[in-house]
Amino acid sequence: MLEATDLVGGYPSAEQIVKGVALSADAGELVTIIGPNGAGKSTALKLVSGLLKPSAGAVRLAGQDLAGRSPQALARAGLGFVPQEHNVFASLTVAENLEMGCLFAPREAKARSAEAYARFPMLAEKRRDPAGSLSGGQRQILAMAMALMARPKALLLDEPTAGLSPAAAHDLFATIRGIARDGLAVLMVEQNALEALEISDRATVLVDGRNHLDGPAAAVAGDPDIRRLFLGGRQSTPGPQGQ
């Protein structure tokens, strides 16, 4: 469903951070990108999402080449992106935030909001509250619900559990797993590597802007070098159901 190949790019004031990365996620698959700080994980996600323009490489969604297009064009094509920060409108209510997520199909806003409330009952309870009054985990759920309002085919998540308590992160991971189970291709960057691998189908490890390892999440988590470098030497038994 989503495939990026030979992706190269970075920021104008710095050298290329991403140096030929390949990323992919099939429909219904949750793929987590892990790696050390400075490996290019979030930069790669921004290149895929259109927030940064790649200097080389291809991005395809359902077979359509989208590399270099604007974020708006990518959203219209079916690519959703939830950044780590500034992902909700704090002064607007929960209901108004959901409406903002449906700008490309305003006539569908009411029906799609109802679907969001059914899926995330917490949002229904707080629909009249300002988004800025929500807890960190609640804001992340609202941000994902906003992205889902556009009916994407693939969803990109950049550090969704950053700053959350362990309990809130656990609940959010369960929500993300459910989104993938419903048929979306989900590509996620996460620093909470062990917990993320426990709910993921597959993992990609980036080092110095390049692919280092790609495979089933269980195999990546069980690799001695990966466990030592990124998982603190802890044992793990990851799987798609988080069991």
C-alpha atoms as a PDB file:
ATOM      1  CA  MET A   1       0.000   0.000   0.000  1.00  0.00           C
ATOM      2  CA  LEU A   2       2.712   2.501   1.045  1.00  0.00           C
ATOM      3  CA  GLU A   3       6.258   2.249  -0.283  1.00  0.00           C
ATOM      4  CA  ALA A   4       9.219   4.619  -0.228  1.00  0.00           C
ATOM      5  CA  THR A   5      12.378   3.628  -2.073  1.00  0.00           C
ATOM      6  CA  ASP A   6      15.878   5.143  -2.267  1.00  0.00           C
ATOM      7  CA  LEU A   7      14.688   8.135  -0.245  1.00  0.00           C
ATOM      8  CA  VAL A   8      17.279  10.891   0.169  1.00  0.00           C
ATOM      9  CA  GLY A   9      16.808  14.241   1.887  1.00  0.00           C
ATOM     10  CA  GLY A  10      17.089  16.464   4.917  1.00  0.00           C
ATOM     11  CA  TYR A  11      17.066  20.136   5.810  1.00  0.00           C
ATOM     12  CA  PRO A  12      18.501  23.002   3.680  1.00  0.00           C
ATOM     13  CA  SER A  13      20.957  24.066   6.388  1.00  0.00           C
ATOM     14  CA  ALA A  14      22.344  20.555   6.981  1.00  0.00           C
ATOM     15  CA  GLU A  15      23.809  17.687   5.029  1.00  0.00           C
ATOM     16  CA  GLN A  16      21.518  14.910   3.848  1.00  0.00           C
ATOM     17  CA  ILE A  17      20.160  13.101   6.883  1.00  0.00           C
ATOM     18  CA  VAL A  18      18.341  10.333   5.039  1.00  0.00           C
ATOM     19  CA  LYS A  19      20.657   8.537   2.627  1.00  0.00           C
ATOM     20  CA  GLY A  20      18.726   6.098   0.499  1.00  0.00           C
ATOM     21  CA  VAL A  21      16.116   4.709   2.903  1.00  0.00           C
ATOM     22  CA  ALA A  22      13.445   2.191   1.942  1.00  0.00           C
ATOM     23  CA  LEU A  23      10.203   1.985   3.940  1.00  0.00           C
ATOM     24  CA  SER A  24       6.942   0.165   3.348  1.00  0.00           C
ATOM     25  CA  ALA A  25       3.696  -0.901   4.995  1.00  0.00           C
ATOM     26  CA  ASP A  26       0.923  -3.080   3.595  1.00  0.00           C
ATOM     27  CA  ALA A  27      -2.777  -2.616   4.253  1.00  0.00           C
ATOM     28  CA  GLY A  28      -3.505  -3.804   7.777  1.00  0.00           C
ATOM     29  CA  GLU A  29       0.188  -3.845   8.708  1.00  0.00           C
ATOM     30  CA  LEU A  30       1.779  -1.900  11.560  1.00  0.00           C
ATOM     31  CA  VAL A  31       5.447  -1.167  10.896  1.00  0.00           C
ATOM     32  CA  THR A  32       7.626   0.540  13.508  1.00  0.00           C
ATOM     33  CA  ILE A  33      10.815   2.446  12.705  1.00  0.00           C
ATOM     34  CA  ILE A  34      13.434   2.381  15.452  1.00  0.00           C
ATOM     35  CA  GLY A  35      17.044   3.463  15.722  1.00  0.00           C
ATOM     36  CA  PRO A  36      19.433   5.629  17.740  1.00  0.00           C
ATOM     37  CA  ASN A  37      19.026   9.378  18.070  1.00  0.00           C
ATOM     38  CA  GLY A  38      20.037  11.111  14.853  1.00  0.00           C
ATOM     39  CA  ALA A  39      19.384   8.060  12.697  1.00  0.00           C
ATOM     40  CA  GLY A  40      16.934   9.989  10.494  1.00  0.00           C
ATOM     41  CA  LYS A  41      13.713   8.332  11.646  1.00  0.00           C
ATOM     42  CA  SER A  42      11.487  11.413  11.941  1.00  0.00           C
ATOM     43  CA  THR A  43      13.177  13.047   8.948  1.00  0.00           C
ATOM     44  CA  ALA A  44      12.337  10.007   6.825  1.00  0.00           C
ATOM     45  CA  LEU A  45       8.720  10.236   7.928  1.00  0.00           C
ATOM     46  CA  LYS A  46       8.611  13.938   6.997  1.00  0.00           C
ATOM     47  CA  LEU A  47      10.035  13.122   3.567  1.00  0.00           C
ATOM     48  CA  VAL A  48       7.305  10.546   3.030  1.00  0.00           C
ATOM     49  CA  SER A  49       4.597  12.919   4.276  1.00  0.00           C
ATOM     50  CA  GLY A  50       5.659  15.834   2.058  1.00  0.00           C
ATOM     51  CA  LEU A  51       6.693  18.130   4.920  1.00  0.00           C
ATOM     52  CA  LEU A  52      10.212  17.875   3.499  1.00  0.00           C
ATOM     53  CA  LYS A  53      10.917  17.525  -0.200  1.00  0.00           C
ATOM     54  CA  PRO A  54      13.151  14.561  -1.035  1.00  0.00           C
ATOM     55  CA  SER A  55      16.137  15.193  -3.288  1.00  0.00           C
ATOM     56  CA  ALA A  56      15.884  11.647  -4.615  1.00  0.00           C
ATOM     57  CA  GLY A  57      13.706   8.585  -4.336  1.00  0.00           C
ATOM     58  CA  ALA A  58      10.089   7.598  -4.847  1.00  0.00           C
ATOM     59  CA  VAL A  59       7.025   7.495  -2.606  1.00  0.00           C
ATOM     60  CA  ARG A  60       4.107   5.375  -3.794  1.00  0.00           C
ATOM     61  CA  LEU A  61       0.679   5.000  -2.256  1.00  0.00           C
ATOM     62  CA  ALA A  62      -1.513   2.306  -3.782  1.00  0.00           C
ATOM     63  CA  GLY A  63       0.772   2.386  -6.824  1.00  0.00           C
ATOM     64  CA  GLN A  64       0.581   6.174  -7.310  1.00  0.00           C
ATOM     65  CA  ASP A  65       3.902   8.062  -7.282  1.00  0.00           C
ATOM     66  CA  LEU A  66       3.645  10.933  -4.806  1.00  0.00           C
ATOM     67  CA  ALA A  67       7.253  11.939  -4.135  1.00  0.00           C
ATOM     68  CA  GLY A  68       7.760  15.702  -3.945  1.00  0.00           C
ATOM     69  CA  ARG A  69       4.057  16.584  -3.812  1.00  0.00           C
ATOM     70  CA  SER A  70       2.694  18.958  -1.190  1.00  0.00           C
ATOM     71  CA  PRO A  71       1.294  17.664   2.109  1.00  0.00           C
ATOM     72  CA  GLN A  72      -2.162  18.761   0.942  1.00  0.00           C
ATOM     73  CA  ALA A  73      -1.858  16.710  -2.249  1.00  0.00           C
ATOM     74  CA  LEU A  74      -0.672  13.709  -0.262  1.00  0.00           C
ATOM     75  CA  ALA A  75      -3.593  14.040   2.138  1.00  0.00           C
ATOM     76  CA  ARG A  76      -6.020  14.129  -0.775  1.00  0.00           C
ATOM     77  CA  ALA A  77      -4.355  11.006  -2.176  1.00  0.00           C
ATOM     78  CA  GLY A  78      -4.973   9.165   1.098  1.00  0.00           C
ATOM     79  CA  LEU A  79      -1.887   9.685   3.248  1.00  0.00           C
ATOM     80  CA  GLY A  80      -2.497  10.749   6.847  1.00  0.00           C
ATOM     81  CA  PHE A  81       0.224  12.159   9.098  1.00  0.00           C
ATOM     82  CA  VAL A  82       0.174  12.816  12.853  1.00  0.00           C
ATOM     83  CA  PRO A  83       3.225  14.829  13.962  1.00  0.00           C
ATOM     84  CA  GLN A  84       4.707  14.500  17.420  1.00  0.00           C
ATOM     85  CA  GLU A  85       3.795  18.029  18.501  1.00  0.00           C
ATOM     86  CA  HIS A  86       1.299  20.753  17.536  1.00  0.00           C
ATOM     87  CA  ASN A  87      -1.077  18.119  16.197  1.00  0.00           C
ATOM     88  CA  VAL A  88      -4.346  19.610  17.526  1.00  0.00           C
ATOM     89  CA  PHE A  89      -5.851  23.096  17.672  1.00  0.00           C
ATOM     90  CA  ALA A  90      -5.700  23.792  21.411  1.00  0.00           C
ATOM     91  CA  SER A  91      -8.199  26.666  21.457  1.00  0.00           C
ATOM     92  CA  LEU A  92     -10.844  24.793  19.431  1.00  0.00           C
ATOM     93  CA  THR A  93     -13.205  22.233  20.913  1.00  0.00           C
ATOM     94  CA  VAL A  94     -12.842  18.526  20.272  1.00  0.00           C
ATOM     95  CA  ALA A  95     -15.789  18.718  17.866  1.00  0.00           C
ATOM     96  CA  GLU A  96     -14.250  21.625  15.967  1.00  0.00           C
ATOM     97  CA  ASN A  97     -10.939  19.785  15.701  1.00  0.00           C
ATOM     98  CA  LEU A  98     -12.687  16.818  14.119  1.00  0.00           C
ATOM     99  CA  GLU A  99     -14.374  19.135  11.640  1.00  0.00           C
ATOM    100  CA  MET A 100     -10.941  20.522  10.717  1.00  0.00           C
ATOM    101  CA  GLY A 101      -9.897  16.983   9.866  1.00  0.00           C
ATOM    102  CA  CYS A 102     -12.686  16.814   7.295  1.00  0.00           C
ATOM    103  CA  LEU A 103     -11.828  19.944   5.292  1.00  0.00           C
ATOM    104  CA  PHE A 104     -11.609  17.970   2.043  1.00  0.00           C
ATOM    105  CA  ALA A 105     -15.124  16.571   2.517  1.00  0.00           C
ATOM    106  CA  PRO A 106     -17.078  19.103   4.640  1.00  0.00           C
ATOM    107  CA  ARG A 107     -20.453  17.588   3.798  1.00  0.00           C
ATOM    108  CA  GLU A 108     -19.279  14.354   5.407  1.00  0.00           C
ATOM    109  CA  ALA A 109     -18.103  16.003   8.631  1.00  0.00           C
ATOM    110  CA  LYS A 110     -21.209  15.215  10.693  1.00  0.00           C
ATOM    111  CA  ALA A 111     -21.366  11.536   9.716  1.00  0.00           C
ATOM    112  CA  ARG A 112     -17.634  11.019  10.106  1.00  0.00           C
ATOM    113  CA  SER A 113     -17.615  12.781  13.466  1.00  0.00           C
ATOM    114  CA  ALA A 114     -20.315  10.378  14.632  1.00  0.00           C
ATOM    115  CA  GLU A 115     -18.095   7.490  13.567  1.00  0.00           C
ATOM    116  CA  ALA A 116     -15.171   8.998  15.484  1.00  0.00           C
ATOM    117  CA  TYR A 117     -17.290   9.358  18.625  1.00  0.00           C
ATOM    118  CA  ALA A 118     -18.432   5.751  18.330  1.00  0.00           C
ATOM    119  CA  ARG A 119     -14.856   4.567  17.964  1.00  0.00           C
ATOM    120  CA  PHE A 120     -13.417   6.847  20.652  1.00  0.00           C
ATOM    121  CA  PRO A 121     -16.110   7.365  23.340  1.00  0.00           C
ATOM    122  CA  MET A 122     -13.802   9.672  25.285  1.00  0.00           C
ATOM    123  CA  LEU A 123     -13.997  12.194  22.443  1.00  0.00           C
ATOM    124  CA  ALA A 124     -17.793  12.106  22.578  1.00  0.00           C
ATOM    125  CA  GLU A 125     -17.710  12.839  26.305  1.00  0.00           C
ATOM    126  CA  LYS A 126     -15.401  15.806  25.756  1.00  0.00           C
ATOM    127  CA  ARG A 127     -16.700  17.057  22.430  1.00  0.00           C
ATOM    128  CA  ARG A 128     -17.424  20.543  23.837  1.00  0.00           C
ATOM    129  CA  ASP A 129     -14.117  20.830  25.719  1.00  0.00           C
ATOM    130  CA  PRO A 130     -11.137  22.751  24.304  1.00  0.00           C
ATOM    131  CA  ALA A 131      -8.516  20.382  22.930  1.00  0.00           C
ATOM    132  CA  GLY A 132      -5.941  22.145  25.085  1.00  0.00           C
ATOM    133  CA  SER A 133      -7.686  20.858  28.212  1.00  0.00           C
ATOM    134  CA  LEU A 134      -7.155  17.198  27.273  1.00  0.00           C
ATOM    135  CA  SER A 135      -4.441  15.028  28.765  1.00  0.00           C
ATOM    136  CA  GLY A 136      -1.460  14.076  26.614  1.00  0.00           C
ATOM    137  CA  GLY A 137      -2.880  10.684  25.710  1.00  0.00           C
ATOM    138  CA  GLN A 138      -6.292  12.153  24.953  1.00  0.00           C
ATOM    139  CA  ARG A 139      -4.742  14.756  22.644  1.00  0.00           C
ATOM    140  CA  GLN A 140      -2.935  12.024  20.733  1.00  0.00           C
ATOM    141  CA  ILE A 141      -6.183  10.121  20.286  1.00  0.00           C
ATOM    142  CA  LEU A 142      -7.847  13.310  19.040  1.00  0.00           C
ATOM    143  CA  ALA A 143      -4.966  13.898  16.619  1.00  0.00           C
ATOM    144  CA  MET A 144      -5.312  10.380  15.219  1.00  0.00           C
ATOM    145  CA  ALA A 145      -9.087  10.760  14.989  1.00  0.00           C
ATOM    146  CA  MET A 146      -8.592  13.984  13.016  1.00  0.00           C
ATOM    147  CA  ALA A 147      -6.301  12.170  10.584  1.00  0.00           C
ATOM    148  CA  LEU A 148      -8.832   9.355  10.218  1.00  0.00           C
ATOM    149  CA  MET A 149     -11.563  11.877   9.327  1.00  0.00           C
ATOM    150  CA  ALA A 150      -9.964  12.160   5.889  1.00  0.00           C
ATOM    151  CA  ARG A 151     -10.353   8.393   5.348  1.00  0.00           C
ATOM    152  CA  PRO A 152      -6.665   7.742   4.646  1.00  0.00           C
ATOM    153  CA  LYS A 153      -5.272   4.573   3.126  1.00  0.00           C
ATOM    154  CA  ALA A 154      -2.063   4.889   5.137  1.00  0.00           C
ATOM    155  CA  LEU A 155      -1.239   6.615   8.405  1.00  0.00           C
ATOM    156  CA  LEU A 156       2.131   7.994   9.534  1.00  0.00           C
ATOM    157  CA  LEU A 157       2.718   8.463  13.283  1.00  0.00           C
ATOM    158  CA  ASP A 158       5.738  10.363  14.613  1.00  0.00           C
ATOM    159  CA  GLU A 159       6.567   9.505  18.249  1.00  0.00           C
ATOM    160  CA  PRO A 160       2.915   9.117  19.333  1.00  0.00           C
ATOM    161  CA  THR A 161       3.763   8.170  22.944  1.00  0.00           C
ATOM    162  CA  ALA A 162       6.394  10.875  23.559  1.00  0.00           C
ATOM    163  CA  GLY A 163       5.898  12.403  27.002  1.00  0.00           C
ATOM    164  CA  LEU A 164       3.116  10.012  28.025  1.00  0.00           C
ATOM    165  CA  SER A 165       3.009   7.980  31.206  1.00  0.00           C
ATOM    166  CA  PRO A 166       3.571   4.206  30.835  1.00  0.00           C
ATOM    167  CA  ALA A 167      -0.149   3.577  31.374  1.00  0.00           C
ATOM    168  CA  ALA A 168      -1.201   6.184  28.797  1.00  0.00           C
ATOM    169  CA  ALA A 169       1.374   4.859  26.321  1.00  0.00           C
ATOM    170  CA  HIS A 170       0.056   1.319  26.791  1.00  0.00           C
ATOM    171  CA  ASP A 171      -3.509   2.447  26.063  1.00  0.00           C
ATOM    172  CA  LEU A 172      -2.425   4.454  23.040  1.00  0.00           C
ATOM    173  CA  PHE A 173      -0.495   1.518  21.592  1.00  0.00           C
ATOM    174  CA  ALA A 174      -3.663  -0.581  21.881  1.00  0.00           C
ATOM    175  CA  THR A 175      -5.543   2.107  19.940  1.00  0.00           C
ATOM    176  CA  ILE A 176      -2.862   2.164  17.220  1.00  0.00           C
ATOM    177  CA  ARG A 177      -2.949  -1.620  16.929  1.00  0.00           C
ATOM    178  CA  GLY A 178      -6.706  -1.428  16.445  1.00  0.00           C
ATOM    179  CA  ILE A 179      -6.357   1.156  13.671  1.00  0.00           C
ATOM    180  CA  ALA A 180      -4.007  -1.130  11.747  1.00  0.00           C
ATOM    181  CA  ARG A 181      -6.282  -4.109  12.349  1.00  0.00           C
ATOM    182  CA  ASP A 182      -9.062  -2.206  10.601  1.00  0.00           C
ATOM    183  CA  GLY A 183      -7.058  -2.302   7.375  1.00  0.00           C
ATOM    184  CA  LEU A 184      -4.868   0.816   7.316  1.00  0.00           C
ATOM    185  CA  ALA A 185      -1.177   0.704   6.554  1.00  0.00           C
ATOM    186  CA  VAL A 186       0.493   2.255   9.610  1.00  0.00           C
ATOM    187  CA  LEU A 187       4.103   3.444   9.661  1.00  0.00           C
ATOM    188  CA  MET A 188       5.223   4.603  13.106  1.00  0.00           C
ATOM    189  CA  VAL A 189       8.407   6.136  14.506  1.00  0.00           C
ATOM    190  CA  GLU A 190       8.820   5.292  18.201  1.00  0.00           C
ATOM    191  CA  GLN A 191      11.438   5.735  20.916  1.00  0.00           C
ATOM    192  CA  ASN A 192       9.597   3.283  23.192  1.00  0.00           C
ATOM    193  CA  ALA A 193      11.053   0.532  21.038  1.00  0.00           C
ATOM    194  CA  LEU A 194      10.311  -2.520  23.165  1.00  0.00           C
ATOM    195  CA  GLU A 195       6.662  -1.639  23.735  1.00  0.00           C
ATOM    196  CA  ALA A 196       6.199  -0.640  20.096  1.00  0.00           C
ATOM    197  CA  LEU A 197       7.653  -3.904  18.804  1.00  0.00           C
ATOM    198  CA  GLU A 198       5.264  -5.848  21.019  1.00  0.00           C
ATOM    199  CA  ILE A 199       2.291  -4.587  18.997  1.00  0.00           C
ATOM    200  CA  SER A 200       3.976  -4.340  15.581  1.00  0.00           C
ATOM    201  CA  ASP A 201       3.945  -6.736  12.655  1.00  0.00           C
ATOM    202  CA  ARG A 202       7.272  -5.632  11.251  1.00  0.00           C
ATOM    203  CA  ALA A 203      10.132  -3.308  12.142  1.00  0.00           C
ATOM    204  CA  THR A 204      12.722  -1.268  10.289  1.00  0.00           C
ATOM    205  CA  VAL A 205      15.941  -0.212  12.002  1.00  0.00           C
ATOM    206  CA  LEU A 206      17.678   2.935  10.727  1.00  0.00           C
ATOM    207  CA  VAL A 207      21.292   3.812  11.529  1.00  0.00           C
ATOM    208  CA  ASP A 208      22.998   6.942  10.195  1.00  0.00           C
ATOM    209  CA  GLY A 209      20.246   7.606   7.683  1.00  0.00           C
ATOM    210  CA  ARG A 210      20.331   4.131   6.159  1.00  0.00           C
ATOM    211  CA  ASN A 211      18.457   0.858   6.517  1.00  0.00           C
ATOM    212  CA  HIS A 212      20.242  -1.402   8.988  1.00  0.00           C
ATOM    213  CA  LEU A 213      17.683  -4.180   9.461  1.00  0.00           C
ATOM    214  CA  ASP A 214      14.140  -4.983   8.390  1.00  0.00           C
ATOM    215  CA  GLY A 215      12.022  -7.947   9.388  1.00  0.00           C
ATOM    216  CA  PRO A 216       9.244  -9.328  11.577  1.00  0.00           C
ATOM    217  CA  ALA A 217       8.982  -7.426  14.850  1.00  0.00           C
ATOM    218  CA  ALA A 218       9.646 -10.566  16.893  1.00  0.00           C
ATOM    219  CA  ALA A 219      12.850 -11.290  14.985  1.00  0.00           C
ATOM    220  CA  VAL A 220      14.093  -7.702  15.279  1.00  0.00           C
ATOM    221  CA  ALA A 221      13.353  -7.580  19.010  1.00  0.00           C
ATOM    222  CA  GLY A 222      15.102 -10.909  19.472  1.00  0.00           C
ATOM    223  CA  ASP A 223      18.281  -9.906  17.636  1.00  0.00           C
ATOM    224  CA  PRO A 224      21.041  -9.689  20.286  1.00  0.00           C
ATOM    225  CA  ASP A 225      22.658  -6.595  18.780  1.00  0.00           C
ATOM    226  CA  ILE A 226      19.349  -4.761  18.432  1.00  0.00           C
ATOM    227  CA  ARG A 227      18.312  -5.731  21.940  1.00  0.00           C
ATOM    228  CA  ARG A 228      21.601  -4.506  23.362  1.00  0.00           C
ATOM    229  CA  LEU A 229      21.765  -1.254  21.400  1.00  0.00           C
ATOM    230  CA  PHE A 230      18.127  -0.160  21.355  1.00  0.00           C
ATOM    231  CA  LEU A 231      16.194  -2.246  23.873  1.00  0.00           C
ATOM    232  CA  GLY A 232      18.512  -2.128  26.869  1.00  0.00           C
ATOM    233  CA  GLY A 233      19.285  -5.831  26.730  1.00  0.00           C
ATOM    234  CA  ARG A 234      15.719  -6.745  27.770  1.00  0.00           C
ATOM    235  CA  GLN A 235      14.001  -9.836  26.496  1.00  0.00           C
ATOM    236  CA  SER A 236      10.800  -9.468  24.505  1.00  0.00           C
ATOM    237  CA  THR A 237       8.165 -11.654  22.919  1.00  0.00           C
ATOM    238  CA  PRO A 238       6.454  -9.233  20.524  1.00  0.00           C
ATOM    239  CA  GLY A 239       3.559 -10.081  18.290  1.00  0.00           C
ATOM    240  CA  PRO A 240       0.737  -8.408  16.351  1.00  0.00           C
ATOM    241  CA  GLN A 241      -1.716  -8.870  19.212  1.00  0.00           C
ATOM    242  CA  GLY A 242       0.598  -7.461  21.868  1.00  0.00           C
ATOM    243  CA  GLN A 243       0.566 -10.778  23.794  1.00  0.00           C
END
